[in-house]
């Protein structure tokens, strides 16, 4: 397969330079990520739309259960739950897959002088594409629940951009640490399963007791979910969620660059 983008003949000397070179070579990993999707679902009748069906089934089941428990009409809950699960699946799968981003492409990394970080961005891009496939559910949710469509919906675009930006630095850290410590992918997978129940994905923050409500307000994963979910529900995320996510992105990428820079020259040995 041929991809566009200027290939590098020598690998960048530092981790920071590698990250910047990977970003500059975006055409390459965008094309390779799209190729990965086609290969993954090559012999499947409906391809990534199996994920759409799975998401709808899980969200519908949880919606009926929560409706019975809380005694609320399912139409009041189903939009919140479906959109929340769509975003959570994107977030959690992106982080889990990032742990294998370098390990799974060790031979490729050792044999070609391309930016190593491009493999991490390629893995993240695959999950972005899968998430965009699940967005086909949204028009049906709107029709079923009567969500008001307003200008607030447009705020989901910068919200999604901030979510992806934050997933980027998290992926860089997890991929780097996982290359050194092979138990990290298992730890991350189990921890994400635990976090799903601590984060208002399919239950509302208002349904929790007042003692836990303060902890929810400062849950960074909740901020990232709300940046996309609230506009899709016709609402605006609160200022704390915007500011917190922006600050988290700046601090996170700074920390990720430091960690990646420190580990960069030893990555090939670890792999």
C-alpha atoms as a PDB file:
ATOM      1  CA  UNK A   1       0.000   0.000   0.000  1.00  0.00           C
ATOM      2  CA  UNK A   2       1.270   3.486  -0.788  1.00  0.00           C
ATOM      3  CA  UNK A   3       0.441   6.485   1.336  1.00  0.00           C
ATOM      4  CA  UNK A   4       0.954  10.178   0.861  1.00  0.00           C
ATOM      5  CA  UNK A   5       3.084  12.311   3.115  1.00  0.00           C
ATOM      6  CA  UNK A   6       6.792  12.959   3.080  1.00  0.00           C
ATOM      7  CA  UNK A   7       8.665   9.941   4.466  1.00  0.00           C
ATOM      8  CA  UNK A   8      11.650  10.577   6.672  1.00  0.00           C
ATOM      9  CA  UNK A   9      15.003   8.996   5.809  1.00  0.00           C
ATOM     10  CA  UNK A  10      16.371   9.378   9.333  1.00  0.00           C
ATOM     11  CA  UNK A  11      14.547   9.038  12.611  1.00  0.00           C
ATOM     12  CA  UNK A  12      14.214  12.203  14.753  1.00  0.00           C
ATOM     13  CA  UNK A  13      16.872  12.476  17.452  1.00  0.00           C
ATOM     14  CA  UNK A  14      14.637  13.401  20.381  1.00  0.00           C
ATOM     15  CA  UNK A  15      11.212  12.420  21.606  1.00  0.00           C
ATOM     16  CA  UNK A  16       9.850  15.928  21.198  1.00  0.00           C
ATOM     17  CA  UNK A  17      11.113  16.075  17.614  1.00  0.00           C
ATOM     18  CA  UNK A  18       9.563  12.669  16.988  1.00  0.00           C
ATOM     19  CA  UNK A  19       6.143  13.852  18.187  1.00  0.00           C
ATOM     20  CA  UNK A  20       6.333  16.958  16.003  1.00  0.00           C
ATOM     21  CA  UNK A  21       7.494  14.904  13.008  1.00  0.00           C
ATOM     22  CA  UNK A  22       4.610  12.481  13.539  1.00  0.00           C
ATOM     23  CA  UNK A  23       2.083  15.322  13.599  1.00  0.00           C
ATOM     24  CA  UNK A  24       3.630  16.766  10.425  1.00  0.00           C
ATOM     25  CA  UNK A  25       3.312  13.365   8.719  1.00  0.00           C
ATOM     26  CA  UNK A  26      -0.441  13.308   9.359  1.00  0.00           C
ATOM     27  CA  UNK A  27      -1.293  12.252   5.808  1.00  0.00           C
ATOM     28  CA  UNK A  28       0.618   9.018   6.337  1.00  0.00           C
ATOM     29  CA  UNK A  29      -1.026   7.852   9.569  1.00  0.00           C
ATOM     30  CA  UNK A  30      -4.461   9.066   8.485  1.00  0.00           C
ATOM     31  CA  UNK A  31      -4.175   6.861   5.392  1.00  0.00           C
ATOM     32  CA  UNK A  32      -2.749   3.922   7.325  1.00  0.00           C
ATOM     33  CA  UNK A  33      -5.461   4.204   9.971  1.00  0.00           C
ATOM     34  CA  UNK A  34      -8.150   4.123   7.296  1.00  0.00           C
ATOM     35  CA  UNK A  35      -6.409   1.089   5.788  1.00  0.00           C
ATOM     36  CA  UNK A  36      -6.461  -0.618   9.208  1.00  0.00           C
ATOM     37  CA  UNK A  37     -10.241  -0.194   9.375  1.00  0.00           C
ATOM     38  CA  UNK A  38     -10.704  -1.740   5.942  1.00  0.00           C
ATOM     39  CA  UNK A  39      -8.445  -4.653   6.823  1.00  0.00           C
ATOM     40  CA  UNK A  40     -10.091  -5.272  10.188  1.00  0.00           C
ATOM     41  CA  UNK A  41     -13.554  -5.626   8.657  1.00  0.00           C
ATOM     42  CA  UNK A  42     -12.450  -6.923   5.263  1.00  0.00           C
ATOM     43  CA  UNK A  43     -14.657 -10.061   5.202  1.00  0.00           C
ATOM     44  CA  UNK A  44     -17.441  -8.707   7.393  1.00  0.00           C
ATOM     45  CA  UNK A  45     -20.840  -8.071   5.817  1.00  0.00           C
ATOM     46  CA  UNK A  46     -21.468  -4.784   7.642  1.00  0.00           C
ATOM     47  CA  UNK A  47     -17.986  -4.008   8.987  1.00  0.00           C
ATOM     48  CA  UNK A  48     -17.703  -1.500  11.838  1.00  0.00           C
ATOM     49  CA  UNK A  49     -21.478  -1.136  11.951  1.00  0.00           C
ATOM     50  CA  UNK A  50     -21.456  -4.212  14.206  1.00  0.00           C
ATOM     51  CA  UNK A  51     -20.211  -1.781  16.852  1.00  0.00           C
ATOM     52  CA  UNK A  52     -23.240   0.433  16.171  1.00  0.00           C
ATOM     53  CA  UNK A  53     -25.587  -2.519  16.712  1.00  0.00           C
ATOM     54  CA  UNK A  54     -23.748  -3.540  19.884  1.00  0.00           C
ATOM     55  CA  UNK A  55     -23.857   0.008  21.270  1.00  0.00           C
ATOM     56  CA  UNK A  56     -27.577   0.341  20.558  1.00  0.00           C
ATOM     57  CA  UNK A  57     -28.329  -3.022  22.200  1.00  0.00           C
ATOM     58  CA  UNK A  58     -26.289  -2.305  25.337  1.00  0.00           C
ATOM     59  CA  UNK A  59     -27.634   1.238  25.707  1.00  0.00           C
ATOM     60  CA  UNK A  60     -31.210   0.075  25.150  1.00  0.00           C
ATOM     61  CA  UNK A  61     -30.887  -2.617  27.806  1.00  0.00           C
ATOM     62  CA  UNK A  62     -29.343  -0.237  30.340  1.00  0.00           C
ATOM     63  CA  UNK A  63     -31.961   2.376  29.473  1.00  0.00           C
ATOM     64  CA  UNK A  64     -34.863   0.047  30.236  1.00  0.00           C
ATOM     65  CA  UNK A  65     -33.169  -1.067  33.464  1.00  0.00           C
ATOM     66  CA  UNK A  66     -32.469   2.483  34.680  1.00  0.00           C
ATOM     67  CA  UNK A  67     -35.978   3.554  33.692  1.00  0.00           C
ATOM     68  CA  UNK A  68     -37.454   0.811  35.875  1.00  0.00           C
ATOM     69  CA  UNK A  69     -35.146   1.564  38.810  1.00  0.00           C
ATOM     70  CA  UNK A  70     -35.678   5.329  38.769  1.00  0.00           C
ATOM     71  CA  UNK A  71     -39.326   5.256  37.711  1.00  0.00           C
ATOM     72  CA  UNK A  72     -38.668   7.699  34.868  1.00  0.00           C
ATOM     73  CA  UNK A  73     -39.864   7.469  31.236  1.00  0.00           C
ATOM     74  CA  UNK A  74     -37.255   5.777  29.077  1.00  0.00           C
ATOM     75  CA  UNK A  75     -37.388   8.636  26.567  1.00  0.00           C
ATOM     76  CA  UNK A  76     -35.941  10.904  29.281  1.00  0.00           C
ATOM     77  CA  UNK A  77     -32.963   8.598  29.787  1.00  0.00           C
ATOM     78  CA  UNK A  78     -32.199   6.816  26.540  1.00  0.00           C
ATOM     79  CA  UNK A  79     -30.530   9.766  24.774  1.00  0.00           C
ATOM     80  CA  UNK A  80     -28.295  10.477  27.780  1.00  0.00           C
ATOM     81  CA  UNK A  81     -27.350   6.804  28.068  1.00  0.00           C
ATOM     82  CA  UNK A  82     -26.760   6.053  24.376  1.00  0.00           C
ATOM     83  CA  UNK A  83     -24.610   9.140  23.803  1.00  0.00           C
ATOM     84  CA  UNK A  84     -22.733   8.530  27.053  1.00  0.00           C
ATOM     85  CA  UNK A  85     -21.947   4.928  26.122  1.00  0.00           C
ATOM     86  CA  UNK A  86     -20.882   5.935  22.600  1.00  0.00           C
ATOM     87  CA  UNK A  87     -18.387   8.436  24.019  1.00  0.00           C
ATOM     88  CA  UNK A  88     -17.206   6.115  26.788  1.00  0.00           C
ATOM     89  CA  UNK A  89     -16.568   3.268  24.352  1.00  0.00           C
ATOM     90  CA  UNK A  90     -14.506   5.631  22.218  1.00  0.00           C
ATOM     91  CA  UNK A  91     -12.556   6.963  25.190  1.00  0.00           C
ATOM     92  CA  UNK A  92     -11.916   3.623  26.904  1.00  0.00           C
ATOM     93  CA  UNK A  93     -11.107   1.676  23.725  1.00  0.00           C
ATOM     94  CA  UNK A  94      -8.728   4.402  22.543  1.00  0.00           C
ATOM     95  CA  UNK A  95      -6.825   4.233  25.837  1.00  0.00           C
ATOM     96  CA  UNK A  96      -6.809   0.427  25.931  1.00  0.00           C
ATOM     97  CA  UNK A  97      -5.639   0.140  22.314  1.00  0.00           C
ATOM     98  CA  UNK A  98      -2.934   2.754  22.845  1.00  0.00           C
ATOM     99  CA  UNK A  99      -1.176   0.357  25.212  1.00  0.00           C
ATOM    100  CA  UNK A 100      -0.477  -1.906  22.215  1.00  0.00           C
ATOM    101  CA  UNK A 101       0.287   0.884  19.737  1.00  0.00           C
ATOM    102  CA  UNK A 102       4.063   0.407  19.926  1.00  0.00           C
ATOM    103  CA  UNK A 103       4.220  -3.204  21.088  1.00  0.00           C
ATOM    104  CA  UNK A 104       2.051  -4.406  18.221  1.00  0.00           C
ATOM    105  CA  UNK A 105       4.167  -2.635  15.605  1.00  0.00           C
ATOM    106  CA  UNK A 106       7.602  -3.426  17.022  1.00  0.00           C
ATOM    107  CA  UNK A 107       8.929  -4.936  13.770  1.00  0.00           C
ATOM    108  CA  UNK A 108       7.709  -1.946  11.755  1.00  0.00           C
ATOM    109  CA  UNK A 109       9.297   0.504  14.199  1.00  0.00           C
ATOM    110  CA  UNK A 110      12.659  -1.294  14.182  1.00  0.00           C
ATOM    111  CA  UNK A 111      12.866  -1.643  10.415  1.00  0.00           C
ATOM    112  CA  UNK A 112      11.683   1.772   9.166  1.00  0.00           C
ATOM    113  CA  UNK A 113      13.061   5.210  10.137  1.00  0.00           C
ATOM    114  CA  UNK A 114       9.621   6.756  10.524  1.00  0.00           C
ATOM    115  CA  UNK A 115       8.498   8.815  13.556  1.00  0.00           C
ATOM    116  CA  UNK A 116       7.671   6.300  16.280  1.00  0.00           C
ATOM    117  CA  UNK A 117       4.827   8.442  17.605  1.00  0.00           C
ATOM    118  CA  UNK A 118       3.045   8.130  14.256  1.00  0.00           C
ATOM    119  CA  UNK A 119       2.080   4.603  15.322  1.00  0.00           C
ATOM    120  CA  UNK A 120       0.329   6.002  18.387  1.00  0.00           C
ATOM    121  CA  UNK A 121      -1.538   8.616  16.361  1.00  0.00           C
ATOM    122  CA  UNK A 122      -2.476   5.965  13.804  1.00  0.00           C
ATOM    123  CA  UNK A 123      -4.010   3.818  16.554  1.00  0.00           C
ATOM    124  CA  UNK A 124      -5.959   6.779  17.913  1.00  0.00           C
ATOM    125  CA  UNK A 125      -7.216   7.689  14.437  1.00  0.00           C
ATOM    126  CA  UNK A 126      -8.652   4.178  14.002  1.00  0.00           C
ATOM    127  CA  UNK A 127     -10.753   4.711  17.124  1.00  0.00           C
ATOM    128  CA  UNK A 128     -11.873   8.144  15.914  1.00  0.00           C
ATOM    129  CA  UNK A 129     -13.143   6.549  12.694  1.00  0.00           C
ATOM    130  CA  UNK A 130     -14.998   3.853  14.625  1.00  0.00           C
ATOM    131  CA  UNK A 131     -16.583   6.511  16.842  1.00  0.00           C
ATOM    132  CA  UNK A 132     -17.737   8.441  13.786  1.00  0.00           C
ATOM    133  CA  UNK A 133     -19.417   5.258  12.564  1.00  0.00           C
ATOM    134  CA  UNK A 134     -21.390   5.012  15.807  1.00  0.00           C
ATOM    135  CA  UNK A 135     -22.652   8.563  15.261  1.00  0.00           C
ATOM    136  CA  UNK A 136     -25.177   7.098  12.828  1.00  0.00           C
ATOM    137  CA  UNK A 137     -27.233   6.346  15.946  1.00  0.00           C
ATOM    138  CA  UNK A 138     -27.667  10.028  16.779  1.00  0.00           C
ATOM    139  CA  UNK A 139     -30.403  10.906  14.216  1.00  0.00           C
ATOM    140  CA  UNK A 140     -32.455   7.933  15.445  1.00  0.00           C
ATOM    141  CA  UNK A 141     -31.992   9.054  19.053  1.00  0.00           C
ATOM    142  CA  UNK A 142     -33.204  12.540  18.113  1.00  0.00           C
ATOM    143  CA  UNK A 143     -36.294  11.139  16.386  1.00  0.00           C
ATOM    144  CA  UNK A 144     -37.109   8.772  19.258  1.00  0.00           C
ATOM    145  CA  UNK A 145     -36.568  11.183  22.145  1.00  0.00           C
ATOM    146  CA  UNK A 146     -37.347  14.552  20.567  1.00  0.00           C
ATOM    147  CA  UNK A 147     -34.062  16.193  21.557  1.00  0.00           C
ATOM    148  CA  UNK A 148     -34.242  19.876  20.552  1.00  0.00           C
ATOM    149  CA  UNK A 149     -31.792  20.681  17.768  1.00  0.00           C
ATOM    150  CA  UNK A 150     -30.196  24.079  18.339  1.00  0.00           C
ATOM    151  CA  UNK A 151     -26.966  25.950  17.803  1.00  0.00           C
ATOM    152  CA  UNK A 152     -25.616  24.247  20.922  1.00  0.00           C
ATOM    153  CA  UNK A 153     -25.110  21.112  18.824  1.00  0.00           C
ATOM    154  CA  UNK A 154     -22.221  22.813  17.015  1.00  0.00           C
ATOM    155  CA  UNK A 155     -20.320  22.979  20.307  1.00  0.00           C
ATOM    156  CA  UNK A 156     -19.936  19.206  20.100  1.00  0.00           C
ATOM    157  CA  UNK A 157     -17.270  19.811  17.426  1.00  0.00           C
ATOM    158  CA  UNK A 158     -14.776  21.712  19.631  1.00  0.00           C
ATOM    159  CA  UNK A 159     -15.793  19.386  22.460  1.00  0.00           C
ATOM    160  CA  UNK A 160     -14.805  16.345  20.397  1.00  0.00           C
ATOM    161  CA  UNK A 161     -11.577  18.074  19.342  1.00  0.00           C
ATOM    162  CA  UNK A 162     -10.680  18.635  23.003  1.00  0.00           C
ATOM    163  CA  UNK A 163     -11.538  15.027  23.817  1.00  0.00           C
ATOM    164  CA  UNK A 164      -9.254  13.759  21.037  1.00  0.00           C
ATOM    165  CA  UNK A 165      -6.497  16.188  22.061  1.00  0.00           C
ATOM    166  CA  UNK A 166      -6.584  14.840  25.612  1.00  0.00           C
ATOM    167  CA  UNK A 167      -6.722  11.246  24.429  1.00  0.00           C
ATOM    168  CA  UNK A 168      -3.596  12.033  22.411  1.00  0.00           C
ATOM    169  CA  UNK A 169      -1.353  12.770  25.379  1.00  0.00           C
ATOM    170  CA  UNK A 170      -2.858   9.936  27.409  1.00  0.00           C
ATOM    171  CA  UNK A 171      -2.132   7.557  24.517  1.00  0.00           C
ATOM    172  CA  UNK A 172       1.481   8.722  24.250  1.00  0.00           C
ATOM    173  CA  UNK A 173       2.066   8.087  27.958  1.00  0.00           C
ATOM    174  CA  UNK A 174       0.309   4.702  27.996  1.00  0.00           C
ATOM    175  CA  UNK A 175       2.042   3.484  24.828  1.00  0.00           C
ATOM    176  CA  UNK A 176       5.449   4.520  26.173  1.00  0.00           C
ATOM    177  CA  UNK A 177       5.000   3.008  29.631  1.00  0.00           C
ATOM    178  CA  UNK A 178       3.448  -0.173  28.187  1.00  0.00           C
ATOM    179  CA  UNK A 179       6.524  -0.697  26.002  1.00  0.00           C
ATOM    180  CA  UNK A 180       8.607  -0.886  29.189  1.00  0.00           C
ATOM    181  CA  UNK A 181       6.156  -2.637  31.517  1.00  0.00           C
ATOM    182  CA  UNK A 182       4.049  -5.289  29.775  1.00  0.00           C
ATOM    183  CA  UNK A 183       1.541  -5.571  32.634  1.00  0.00           C
ATOM    184  CA  UNK A 184       0.288  -2.034  32.008  1.00  0.00           C
ATOM    185  CA  UNK A 185      -2.246  -3.016  29.292  1.00  0.00           C
ATOM    186  CA  UNK A 186      -3.930  -5.433  31.721  1.00  0.00           C
ATOM    187  CA  UNK A 187      -3.913  -2.859  34.512  1.00  0.00           C
ATOM    188  CA  UNK A 188      -5.415  -0.212  32.224  1.00  0.00           C
ATOM    189  CA  UNK A 189      -8.139  -2.561  30.967  1.00  0.00           C
ATOM    190  CA  UNK A 190      -9.253  -3.464  34.481  1.00  0.00           C
ATOM    191  CA  UNK A 191      -9.003   0.112  35.733  1.00  0.00           C
ATOM    192  CA  UNK A 192     -11.161   1.430  32.884  1.00  0.00           C
ATOM    193  CA  UNK A 193     -13.859  -1.138  33.698  1.00  0.00           C
ATOM    194  CA  UNK A 194     -13.829   0.147  37.273  1.00  0.00           C
ATOM    195  CA  UNK A 195     -13.899   3.809  36.209  1.00  0.00           C
ATOM    196  CA  UNK A 196     -16.977   3.252  34.052  1.00  0.00           C
ATOM    197  CA  UNK A 197     -19.068   2.760  37.184  1.00  0.00           C
ATOM    198  CA  UNK A 198     -17.527   5.749  38.981  1.00  0.00           C
ATOM    199  CA  UNK A 199     -18.153   8.098  36.051  1.00  0.00           C
ATOM    200  CA  UNK A 200     -21.681   9.237  35.081  1.00  0.00           C
ATOM    201  CA  UNK A 201     -21.791   7.379  31.777  1.00  0.00           C
ATOM    202  CA  UNK A 202     -25.243   5.807  32.057  1.00  0.00           C
ATOM    203  CA  UNK A 203     -26.323   7.296  35.375  1.00  0.00           C
ATOM    204  CA  UNK A 204     -26.836  11.004  36.002  1.00  0.00           C
ATOM    205  CA  UNK A 205     -24.754  13.073  38.389  1.00  0.00           C
ATOM    206  CA  UNK A 206     -27.939  14.457  39.947  1.00  0.00           C
ATOM    207  CA  UNK A 207     -28.965  10.948  41.037  1.00  0.00           C
ATOM    208  CA  UNK A 208     -25.903  10.588  43.309  1.00  0.00           C
ATOM    209  CA  UNK A 209     -25.751  11.748  46.913  1.00  0.00           C
ATOM    210  CA  UNK A 210     -24.394  15.187  47.742  1.00  0.00           C
ATOM    211  CA  UNK A 211     -21.150  13.826  49.228  1.00  0.00           C
ATOM    212  CA  UNK A 212     -20.160  12.187  45.939  1.00  0.00           C
ATOM    213  CA  UNK A 213     -21.456  15.010  43.742  1.00  0.00           C
ATOM    214  CA  UNK A 214     -18.400  17.186  44.459  1.00  0.00           C
ATOM    215  CA  UNK A 215     -16.089  14.350  43.388  1.00  0.00           C
ATOM    216  CA  UNK A 216     -18.039  13.956  40.133  1.00  0.00           C
ATOM    217  CA  UNK A 217     -17.696  17.647  39.323  1.00  0.00           C
ATOM    218  CA  UNK A 218     -13.908  17.279  39.406  1.00  0.00           C
ATOM    219  CA  UNK A 219     -13.733  13.986  37.518  1.00  0.00           C
ATOM    220  CA  UNK A 220     -11.691  14.793  34.360  1.00  0.00           C
ATOM    221  CA  UNK A 221     -13.209  11.900  32.412  1.00  0.00           C
ATOM    222  CA  UNK A 222     -16.651  13.306  33.183  1.00  0.00           C
ATOM    223  CA  UNK A 223     -15.544  16.673  31.789  1.00  0.00           C
ATOM    224  CA  UNK A 224     -14.463  15.068  28.522  1.00  0.00           C
ATOM    225  CA  UNK A 225     -17.707  13.120  28.162  1.00  0.00           C
ATOM    226  CA  UNK A 226     -19.847  16.165  28.925  1.00  0.00           C
ATOM    227  CA  UNK A 227     -18.038  18.328  26.354  1.00  0.00           C
ATOM    228  CA  UNK A 228     -19.540  16.129  23.632  1.00  0.00           C
ATOM    229  CA  UNK A 229     -22.695  14.772  25.267  1.00  0.00           C
ATOM    230  CA  UNK A 230     -24.219  18.020  26.512  1.00  0.00           C
ATOM    231  CA  UNK A 231     -24.244  19.777  23.095  1.00  0.00           C
ATOM    232  CA  UNK A 232     -25.711  16.620  21.546  1.00  0.00           C
ATOM    233  CA  UNK A 233     -28.495  16.814  24.138  1.00  0.00           C
ATOM    234  CA  UNK A 234     -29.133  20.455  23.255  1.00  0.00           C
ATOM    235  CA  UNK A 235     -27.320  21.865  26.290  1.00  0.00           C
ATOM    236  CA  UNK A 236     -24.059  23.693  26.964  1.00  0.00           C
ATOM    237  CA  UNK A 237     -21.246  22.210  29.084  1.00  0.00           C
ATOM    238  CA  UNK A 238     -20.430  24.231  32.187  1.00  0.00           C
ATOM    239  CA  UNK A 239     -17.402  26.533  32.208  1.00  0.00           C
ATOM    240  CA  UNK A 240     -15.467  24.266  34.587  1.00  0.00           C
ATOM    241  CA  UNK A 241     -15.580  21.448  32.033  1.00  0.00           C
ATOM    242  CA  UNK A 242     -14.231  23.643  29.226  1.00  0.00           C
ATOM    243  CA  UNK A 243     -11.500  25.280  31.297  1.00  0.00           C
ATOM    244  CA  UNK A 244     -10.563  22.048  33.055  1.00  0.00           C
ATOM    245  CA  UNK A 245     -10.236  20.145  29.771  1.00  0.00           C
ATOM    246  CA  UNK A 246      -8.100  22.870  28.162  1.00  0.00           C
ATOM    247  CA  UNK A 247      -5.769  23.065  31.173  1.00  0.00           C
ATOM    248  CA  UNK A 248      -5.606  19.267  31.281  1.00  0.00           C
ATOM    249  CA  UNK A 249      -4.605  19.163  27.591  1.00  0.00           C
ATOM    250  CA  UNK A 250      -1.794  21.705  28.079  1.00  0.00           C
ATOM    251  CA  UNK A 251      -0.424  20.070  31.234  1.00  0.00           C
ATOM    252  CA  UNK A 252      -0.965  16.575  29.858  1.00  0.00           C
ATOM    253  CA  UNK A 253       0.942  17.169  26.623  1.00  0.00           C
ATOM    254  CA  UNK A 254       3.779  18.783  28.579  1.00  0.00           C
ATOM    255  CA  UNK A 255       4.070  15.742  30.844  1.00  0.00           C
ATOM    256  CA  UNK A 256       3.687  13.346  27.899  1.00  0.00           C
ATOM    257  CA  UNK A 257       6.489  15.107  26.002  1.00  0.00           C
ATOM    258  CA  UNK A 258       8.786  14.868  29.034  1.00  0.00           C
ATOM    259  CA  UNK A 259       8.085  11.161  29.545  1.00  0.00           C
ATOM    260  CA  UNK A 260       8.357  10.338  25.851  1.00  0.00           C
ATOM    261  CA  UNK A 261      11.544  12.376  25.481  1.00  0.00           C
ATOM    262  CA  UNK A 262      13.132  10.548  28.399  1.00  0.00           C
ATOM    263  CA  UNK A 263      12.190   7.091  27.093  1.00  0.00           C
ATOM    264  CA  UNK A 264      12.592   7.737  23.366  1.00  0.00           C
ATOM    265  CA  UNK A 265      16.122   6.403  22.796  1.00  0.00           C
ATOM    266  CA  UNK A 266      15.350   3.200  24.717  1.00  0.00           C
ATOM    267  CA  UNK A 267      12.048   2.381  23.017  1.00  0.00           C
ATOM    268  CA  UNK A 268      13.667   0.156  20.378  1.00  0.00           C
ATOM    269  CA  UNK A 269      15.401  -1.851  23.126  1.00  0.00           C
ATOM    270  CA  UNK A 270      12.167  -2.274  25.073  1.00  0.00           C
ATOM    271  CA  UNK A 271      10.313  -3.444  21.983  1.00  0.00           C
END
